Amino acid sequence: MLTSWAVDLANVKAIYPWQGAELIMVIAGVVAWILWHVIQLREEKEEFQKDVEEYGSKESIKKALDDHSL
């Protein structure tokens, strides 16, 4: 336990919890980030398919968007 900052820091070992687990945390963060993108793309694809079923083909959706653009 560190009781004073007036020490030689070369002799101090761990000053924060989970020291040495940084690589595991980075890998877990990157995996979670990629997984979020995969889930997001799947949900957006499903939503687009529902829109196509409701409003027609891709061409009619594009035409409707082009007609209402400024």
C-alpha atoms as a PDB file:
ATOM      1  CA  MET A   1       0.000   0.000   0.000  1.00  0.00           C
ATOM      2  CA  LEU A   2       1.257   3.451  -0.883  1.00  0.00           C
ATOM      3  CA  THR A   3       1.087   5.802   2.082  1.00  0.00           C
ATOM      4  CA  SER A   4       3.178   8.685   0.733  1.00  0.00           C
ATOM      5  CA  TRP A   5       4.097  10.015  -2.688  1.00  0.00           C
ATOM      6  CA  ALA A   6       7.585  10.904  -1.400  1.00  0.00           C
ATOM      7  CA  VAL A   7       9.071   7.576  -2.534  1.00  0.00           C
ATOM      8  CA  ASP A   8      11.188   6.343  -5.416  1.00  0.00           C
ATOM      9  CA  LEU A   9       8.588   5.469  -8.061  1.00  0.00           C
ATOM     10  CA  ALA A  10      10.903   2.816  -9.517  1.00  0.00           C
ATOM     11  CA  ASN A  11      10.184   0.759  -6.395  1.00  0.00           C
ATOM     12  CA  VAL A  12       6.415   1.185  -6.632  1.00  0.00           C
ATOM     13  CA  LYS A  13       4.715  -1.773  -8.345  1.00  0.00           C
ATOM     14  CA  ALA A  14       0.990  -1.453  -9.109  1.00  0.00           C
ATOM     15  CA  ILE A  15      -0.658   1.926  -8.623  1.00  0.00           C
ATOM     16  CA  TYR A  16      -4.005   1.046 -10.234  1.00  0.00           C
ATOM     17  CA  PRO A  17      -6.226  -2.048 -10.260  1.00  0.00           C
ATOM     18  CA  TRP A  18      -6.105  -4.722 -12.995  1.00  0.00           C
ATOM     19  CA  GLN A  19      -2.588  -3.814 -14.019  1.00  0.00           C
ATOM     20  CA  GLY A  20      -1.521  -6.017 -16.909  1.00  0.00           C
ATOM     21  CA  ALA A  21      -5.075  -6.543 -18.200  1.00  0.00           C
ATOM     22  CA  GLU A  22      -4.955  -3.641 -20.664  1.00  0.00           C
ATOM     23  CA  LEU A  23      -4.506  -5.859 -23.725  1.00  0.00           C
ATOM     24  CA  ILE A  24      -7.458  -8.045 -22.730  1.00  0.00           C
ATOM     25  CA  MET A  25      -9.617  -4.948 -22.197  1.00  0.00           C
ATOM     26  CA  VAL A  26      -8.611  -3.498 -25.582  1.00  0.00           C
ATOM     27  CA  ILE A  27      -9.401  -6.792 -27.318  1.00  0.00           C
ATOM     28  CA  ALA A  28     -12.768  -6.994 -25.527  1.00  0.00           C
ATOM     29  CA  GLY A  29     -13.541  -3.393 -26.523  1.00  0.00           C
ATOM     30  CA  VAL A  30     -12.688  -3.978 -30.184  1.00  0.00           C
ATOM     31  CA  VAL A  31     -14.743  -7.196 -30.271  1.00  0.00           C
ATOM     32  CA  ALA A  32     -17.712  -5.382 -28.698  1.00  0.00           C
ATOM     33  CA  TRP A  33     -17.345  -2.523 -31.199  1.00  0.00           C
ATOM     34  CA  ILE A  34     -17.284  -4.892 -34.198  1.00  0.00           C
ATOM     35  CA  LEU A  35     -20.204  -6.906 -32.776  1.00  0.00           C
ATOM     36  CA  TRP A  36     -22.217  -3.699 -32.371  1.00  0.00           C
ATOM     37  CA  HIS A  37     -21.591  -2.854 -36.039  1.00  0.00           C
ATOM     38  CA  VAL A  38     -22.680  -6.329 -37.173  1.00  0.00           C
ATOM     39  CA  ILE A  39     -25.880  -6.138 -35.113  1.00  0.00           C
ATOM     40  CA  GLN A  40     -26.560  -2.590 -36.347  1.00  0.00           C
ATOM     41  CA  LEU A  41     -26.111  -3.591 -40.000  1.00  0.00           C
ATOM     42  CA  ARG A  42     -28.467  -6.559 -39.610  1.00  0.00           C
ATOM     43  CA  GLU A  43     -31.154  -4.425 -37.961  1.00  0.00           C
ATOM     44  CA  GLU A  44     -30.853  -1.722 -40.605  1.00  0.00           C
ATOM     45  CA  LYS A  45     -31.091  -4.341 -43.372  1.00  0.00           C
ATOM     46  CA  GLU A  46     -34.281  -5.745 -41.800  1.00  0.00           C
ATOM     47  CA  GLU A  47     -35.723  -2.245 -41.501  1.00  0.00           C
ATOM     48  CA  PHE A  48     -34.863  -1.512 -45.140  1.00  0.00           C
ATOM     49  CA  GLN A  49     -36.518  -4.757 -46.243  1.00  0.00           C
ATOM     50  CA  LYS A  50     -39.683  -3.783 -44.350  1.00  0.00           C
ATOM     51  CA  ASP A  51     -39.629  -0.386 -46.044  1.00  0.00           C
ATOM     52  CA  VAL A  52     -39.255  -2.037 -49.450  1.00  0.00           C
ATOM     53  CA  GLU A  53     -42.192  -4.324 -48.689  1.00  0.00           C
ATOM     54  CA  GLU A  54     -44.304  -1.409 -47.503  1.00  0.00           C
ATOM     55  CA  TYR A  55     -43.362   1.220 -50.088  1.00  0.00           C
ATOM     56  CA  GLY A  56     -42.369  -0.852 -53.100  1.00  0.00           C
ATOM     57  CA  SER A  57     -39.093  -1.450 -54.847  1.00  0.00           C
ATOM     58  CA  LYS A  58     -35.748   0.240 -54.317  1.00  0.00           C
ATOM     59  CA  GLU A  59     -36.356   2.340 -57.405  1.00  0.00           C
ATOM     60  CA  SER A  60     -39.695   3.684 -56.146  1.00  0.00           C
ATOM     61  CA  ILE A  61     -38.146   4.537 -52.780  1.00  0.00           C
ATOM     62  CA  LYS A  62     -35.299   6.365 -54.555  1.00  0.00           C
ATOM     63  CA  LYS A  63     -37.785   8.223 -56.758  1.00  0.00           C
ATOM     64  CA  ALA A  64     -39.897   9.214 -53.737  1.00  0.00           C
ATOM     65  CA  LEU A  65     -36.817  10.501 -51.928  1.00  0.00           C
ATOM     66  CA  ASP A  66     -35.624  12.406 -54.995  1.00  0.00           C
ATOM     67  CA  ASP A  67     -39.069  13.975 -55.511  1.00  0.00           C
ATOM     68  CA  HIS A  68     -39.172  15.277 -51.942  1.00  0.00           C
ATOM     69  CA  SER A  69     -35.615  16.568 -51.739  1.00  0.00           C
ATOM     70  CA  LEU A  70     -34.922  20.260 -51.708  1.00  0.00           C
END
